[in-house]
Amino acid sequence: MAGLIAACAPPMTDGAQARNDFKSLCVDCHGADGRGNGPAAAGMVPVPVDLTRVAASNGGVFPRLQVMGHIYGFTPGRSESPMPEFGDLLDGPAVPYDAGDGISTPTPARLVALMEYVEAMQR
């Protein structure tokens, strides 16, 4: 019975994959430390967001859904954002994600992991 339960458990997000995704997708603009000082940031308008201050700039609350939306490319009202869309790159196996409303929604595991990686950078 325990084997059956384990087989049904949702896969956990992968921290190593998130670290690699951050290095390959985010570092050029946001920098290795996430502070918006990557090698491609020079001269960018607007400047890349300091990812370590996302919660601080949102009243101390990390906006998990908004961050995933930006990463994925869903940014209503911001069609001119220089942020590339990474949705296609992050598609793949999904994990149930509950945004706090009690409803688990299948969400790409790599997207959740990358959002959690950025959340862990908060200072």
Protein backbone atom coordinates (compact mmCIF):
# COMPACT_ATOMS: atom_id res chain seq x y z
CA MET A 1 0.00 0.00 0.00
CA ALA A 2 2.82 2.43 0.84
CA GLY A 3 4.27 1.92 -2.64
CA LEU A 4 0.95 2.85 -4.20
CA ILE A 5 0.72 6.00 -2.11
CA ALA A 6 4.31 6.96 -2.98
CA ALA A 7 3.59 6.43 -6.67
CA CYS A 8 0.68 8.88 -6.46
CA ALA A 9 2.60 11.59 -4.61
CA PRO A 10 3.20 14.71 -6.71
CA PRO A 11 6.81 15.16 -7.79
CA MET A 12 8.72 17.76 -5.82
CA THR A 13 10.19 20.73 -7.59
CA ASP A 14 13.86 20.39 -8.49
CA GLY A 15 16.21 22.89 -6.85
CA ALA A 16 19.17 21.89 -9.03
CA GLN A 17 17.11 22.37 -12.18
CA ALA A 18 15.91 25.75 -10.89
CA ARG A 19 19.50 26.82 -10.23
CA ASN A 20 20.46 25.79 -13.78
CA ASP A 21 17.40 27.53 -15.24
CA PHE A 22 18.25 30.71 -13.34
CA LYS A 23 21.82 30.60 -14.68
CA SER A 24 20.73 30.02 -18.26
CA LEU A 25 17.61 32.22 -18.38
CA CYS A 26 18.07 35.02 -15.85
CA VAL A 27 21.72 35.78 -15.10
CA ASP A 28 22.45 37.75 -18.28
CA CYS A 29 20.04 40.49 -17.24
CA HIS A 30 19.45 40.03 -13.50
CA GLY A 31 22.99 38.96 -12.57
CA ALA A 32 24.20 35.93 -10.64
CA ASP A 33 23.03 37.51 -7.40
CA GLY A 34 19.67 38.56 -8.89
CA ARG A 35 20.18 42.27 -8.25
CA GLY A 36 19.62 43.42 -11.83
CA ASN A 37 23.31 43.82 -12.57
CA GLY A 38 23.90 41.16 -15.21
CA PRO A 39 26.27 41.70 -18.14
CA ALA A 40 23.38 42.48 -20.52
CA ALA A 41 21.81 45.00 -18.10
CA ALA A 42 24.07 47.89 -19.06
CA GLY A 43 22.00 50.40 -20.98
CA MET A 44 18.73 48.47 -20.71
CA VAL A 45 15.62 50.61 -20.35
CA PRO A 46 13.92 49.86 -18.10
CA VAL A 47 16.68 48.35 -16.01
CA PRO A 48 16.20 44.72 -14.96
CA VAL A 49 14.34 44.25 -11.68
CA ASP A 50 16.34 43.54 -8.53
CA LEU A 51 14.94 40.08 -7.88
CA THR A 52 16.14 40.14 -4.27
CA ARG A 53 13.71 43.00 -3.49
CA VAL A 54 10.52 41.70 -5.08
CA ALA A 55 8.84 41.01 -1.73
CA ALA A 56 10.11 44.28 -0.24
CA SER A 57 8.60 46.23 -3.13
CA ASN A 58 5.31 44.39 -2.61
CA GLY A 59 4.68 45.21 1.04
CA GLY A 60 6.83 42.35 2.29
CA VAL A 61 4.80 39.70 0.47
CA PHE A 62 6.35 37.68 -2.34
CA PRO A 63 3.77 37.69 -5.19
CA ARG A 64 4.22 34.08 -6.28
CA LEU A 65 1.58 34.09 -9.05
CA GLN A 66 2.74 37.41 -10.49
CA VAL A 67 6.34 36.21 -10.56
CA MET A 68 5.36 33.00 -12.33
CA GLY A 69 3.30 35.07 -14.76
CA HIS A 70 6.27 37.29 -15.59
CA ILE A 71 8.58 34.31 -16.06
CA TYR A 72 6.06 32.48 -18.21
CA GLY A 73 5.27 35.57 -20.25
CA PHE A 74 1.75 36.31 -19.01
CA THR A 75 1.90 40.01 -18.16
CA PRO A 76 -1.43 41.69 -18.92
CA GLY A 77 -1.01 45.38 -19.60
CA ARG A 78 2.74 45.10 -20.06
CA SER A 79 3.05 44.21 -23.73
CA GLU A 80 6.19 46.31 -24.10
CA SER A 81 8.15 44.53 -21.38
CA PRO A 82 11.73 43.74 -22.41
CA MET A 83 11.48 40.55 -20.36
CA PRO A 84 11.56 37.57 -22.72
CA GLU A 85 8.84 34.95 -22.45
CA PHE A 86 10.13 31.64 -21.13
CA GLY A 87 6.86 29.70 -21.16
CA ASP A 88 7.84 27.31 -23.93
CA LEU A 89 11.18 26.60 -22.26
CA LEU A 90 9.53 25.81 -18.93
CA ASP A 91 6.71 23.62 -20.19
CA GLY A 92 6.93 19.99 -19.25
CA PRO A 93 5.80 17.84 -16.35
CA ALA A 94 3.32 19.64 -14.12
CA VAL A 95 2.89 19.69 -10.36
CA PRO A 96 -0.28 20.65 -8.51
CA TYR A 97 0.13 24.24 -7.36
CA ASP A 98 -2.25 25.85 -4.86
CA ALA A 99 -2.10 29.64 -5.03
CA GLY A 100 -3.81 29.92 -1.68
CA ASP A 101 -7.38 29.51 -2.87
CA GLY A 102 -7.54 25.80 -2.06
CA ILE A 103 -7.56 24.81 -5.72
CA SER A 104 -4.58 22.85 -7.02
CA THR A 105 -3.83 23.77 -10.61
CA PRO A 106 -1.41 21.78 -12.78
CA THR A 107 1.57 24.10 -13.26
CA PRO A 108 4.88 23.37 -15.02
CA ALA A 109 7.24 22.01 -12.35
CA ARG A 110 10.20 24.00 -13.67
CA LEU A 111 8.18 27.22 -13.50
CA VAL A 112 7.24 26.59 -9.87
CA ALA A 113 10.84 25.65 -9.02
CA LEU A 114 12.25 28.79 -10.65
CA MET A 115 9.72 30.98 -8.84
CA GLU A 116 10.67 29.31 -5.54
CA TYR A 117 14.35 29.88 -6.34
CA VAL A 118 13.70 33.61 -6.81
CA GLU A 119 11.58 33.64 -3.65
CA ALA A 120 14.51 32.20 -1.69
CA MET A 121 16.69 35.14 -2.87
CA GLN A 122 14.61 37.71 -0.98
CA ARG A 123 16.42 39.94 1.49
